């Protein structure tokens, strides 16, 4: 059953692109909720030093922070190269979104733009 679902996604790029878009929306909303909660709990502003300190407050937090840093760095490099290769438009949203919203937003949003571009190329 899982294999059939994966094949359906592979064969239906339009559906896949909208799944990526939904994930990017969730990737914007969910981290922002946590960031607002952080700001409210720790002083009504976003204190980046305190945020980083708390993100490294224990081994579990350090593990997640380091994992995200390394994975996001590698994927961001791939995103830049892939977007140039495919000549994807509106990449400024991905670049700015990575730093102002969340990588959880920008990575799936890039995948949405990428699928749309592949559909466009295939339909030429």
Protein backbone atom coordinates (compact mmCIF):
# COMPACT_ATOMS: atom_id res chain seq x y z
CA UNK A 1 0.00 0.00 0.00
CA UNK A 2 2.81 2.42 0.88
CA UNK A 3 4.54 1.63 -2.40
CA UNK A 4 1.33 2.41 -4.32
CA UNK A 5 1.00 5.73 -2.50
CA UNK A 6 4.61 6.64 -3.29
CA UNK A 7 4.12 5.67 -6.95
CA UNK A 8 0.98 7.82 -7.08
CA UNK A 9 2.98 10.82 -5.80
CA UNK A 10 5.77 10.18 -8.29
CA UNK A 11 3.26 10.01 -11.13
CA UNK A 12 1.28 13.03 -9.96
CA UNK A 13 3.75 15.90 -9.68
CA UNK A 14 0.92 18.39 -9.24
CA UNK A 15 -0.31 16.63 -6.08
CA UNK A 16 3.25 16.30 -4.83
CA UNK A 17 3.87 20.01 -5.33
CA UNK A 18 0.81 20.88 -3.23
CA UNK A 19 1.89 18.50 -0.49
CA UNK A 20 5.19 20.43 -0.39
CA UNK A 21 3.24 23.70 -0.28
CA UNK A 22 1.15 22.44 2.65
CA UNK A 23 4.34 21.38 4.46
CA UNK A 24 5.88 24.81 3.87
CA UNK A 25 2.80 26.49 5.38
CA UNK A 26 3.04 24.22 8.42
CA UNK A 27 6.79 24.87 8.47
CA UNK A 28 6.09 28.58 8.77
CA UNK A 29 3.24 28.44 11.27
CA UNK A 30 4.50 25.88 13.78
CA UNK A 31 7.99 27.35 14.37
CA UNK A 32 6.53 30.87 14.50
CA UNK A 33 4.11 29.80 17.24
CA UNK A 34 7.06 28.51 19.25
CA UNK A 35 9.04 31.68 18.55
CA UNK A 36 6.15 33.86 19.76
CA UNK A 37 5.83 31.71 22.87
CA UNK A 38 9.59 32.10 23.44
CA UNK A 39 9.35 35.88 23.09
CA UNK A 40 6.41 36.08 25.47
CA UNK A 41 8.02 33.84 28.07
CA UNK A 42 11.48 35.40 27.90
CA UNK A 43 10.80 39.10 27.59
CA UNK A 44 8.45 40.20 24.76
CA UNK A 45 11.25 40.28 22.21
CA UNK A 46 13.31 37.73 20.38
CA UNK A 47 16.62 37.53 22.23
CA UNK A 48 18.79 35.52 19.84
CA UNK A 49 21.54 34.94 22.44
CA UNK A 50 19.06 33.46 24.89
CA UNK A 51 17.42 31.45 22.10
CA UNK A 52 20.75 29.89 21.11
CA UNK A 53 21.62 29.29 24.76
CA UNK A 54 18.35 27.45 25.33
CA UNK A 55 18.78 25.53 22.08
CA UNK A 56 22.00 24.17 23.59
CA UNK A 57 20.82 23.85 27.19
CA UNK A 58 21.12 20.06 27.36
CA UNK A 59 22.48 17.20 25.24
CA UNK A 60 19.09 16.51 23.59
CA UNK A 61 18.68 20.15 22.56
CA UNK A 62 22.31 20.27 21.38
CA UNK A 63 21.76 17.16 19.28
CA UNK A 64 18.70 18.59 17.56
CA UNK A 65 20.34 22.00 17.06
CA UNK A 66 23.51 20.55 15.60
CA UNK A 67 21.60 18.09 13.44
CA UNK A 68 19.49 20.92 12.02
CA UNK A 69 22.50 23.17 11.48
CA UNK A 70 24.45 20.57 9.50
CA UNK A 71 21.48 19.21 7.53
CA UNK A 72 20.07 22.66 6.76
CA UNK A 73 23.49 23.90 5.62
CA UNK A 74 23.93 20.97 3.24
CA UNK A 75 20.39 21.24 1.88
CA UNK A 76 20.67 25.02 1.51
CA UNK A 77 23.81 24.59 -0.65
CA UNK A 78 21.92 22.04 -2.76
CA UNK A 79 18.93 24.41 -3.02
CA UNK A 80 21.13 27.23 -4.36
CA UNK A 81 22.79 24.94 -6.94
CA UNK A 82 19.56 23.19 -7.97
CA UNK A 83 17.67 26.47 -8.35
CA UNK A 84 20.36 27.82 -10.66
CA UNK A 85 20.48 24.61 -12.70
CA UNK A 86 16.69 24.59 -13.18
CA UNK A 87 16.41 28.40 -13.39
CA UNK A 88 13.70 28.49 -10.74
CA UNK A 89 11.96 31.83 -10.29
CA UNK A 90 11.10 33.55 -7.00
CA UNK A 91 14.02 32.04 -5.12
CA UNK A 92 14.31 35.23 -3.06
CA UNK A 93 11.33 33.89 -1.04
CA UNK A 94 13.31 30.77 -0.18
CA UNK A 95 16.50 32.65 0.68
CA UNK A 96 14.83 35.28 2.85
CA UNK A 97 12.38 32.78 4.31
CA UNK A 98 15.23 30.57 5.50
CA UNK A 99 16.52 33.29 7.80
CA UNK A 100 13.36 35.25 8.65
CA UNK A 101 10.78 32.47 8.96
CA UNK A 102 12.28 28.98 9.31
CA UNK A 103 14.15 26.37 7.34
CA UNK A 104 11.07 24.21 7.92
CA UNK A 105 9.27 26.71 5.67
CA UNK A 106 11.90 27.35 3.03
CA UNK A 107 12.97 23.77 2.26
CA UNK A 108 9.47 22.49 1.41
CA UNK A 109 8.67 25.79 -0.34
CA UNK A 110 11.72 25.27 -2.52
CA UNK A 111 10.51 21.73 -3.29
CA UNK A 112 7.14 23.21 -4.27
CA UNK A 113 8.83 25.69 -6.64
CA UNK A 114 11.09 22.92 -7.97
CA UNK A 115 8.17 20.59 -8.77
CA UNK A 116 6.33 23.44 -10.48
CA UNK A 117 9.43 24.18 -12.57
CA UNK A 118 9.87 20.51 -13.52
CA UNK A 119 6.21 20.38 -14.60
CA UNK A 120 6.80 23.53 -16.66
CA UNK A 121 9.91 22.07 -18.32
CA UNK A 122 8.17 18.75 -19.07
CA UNK A 123 5.21 20.56 -20.67
CA UNK A 124 7.36 22.53 -23.12
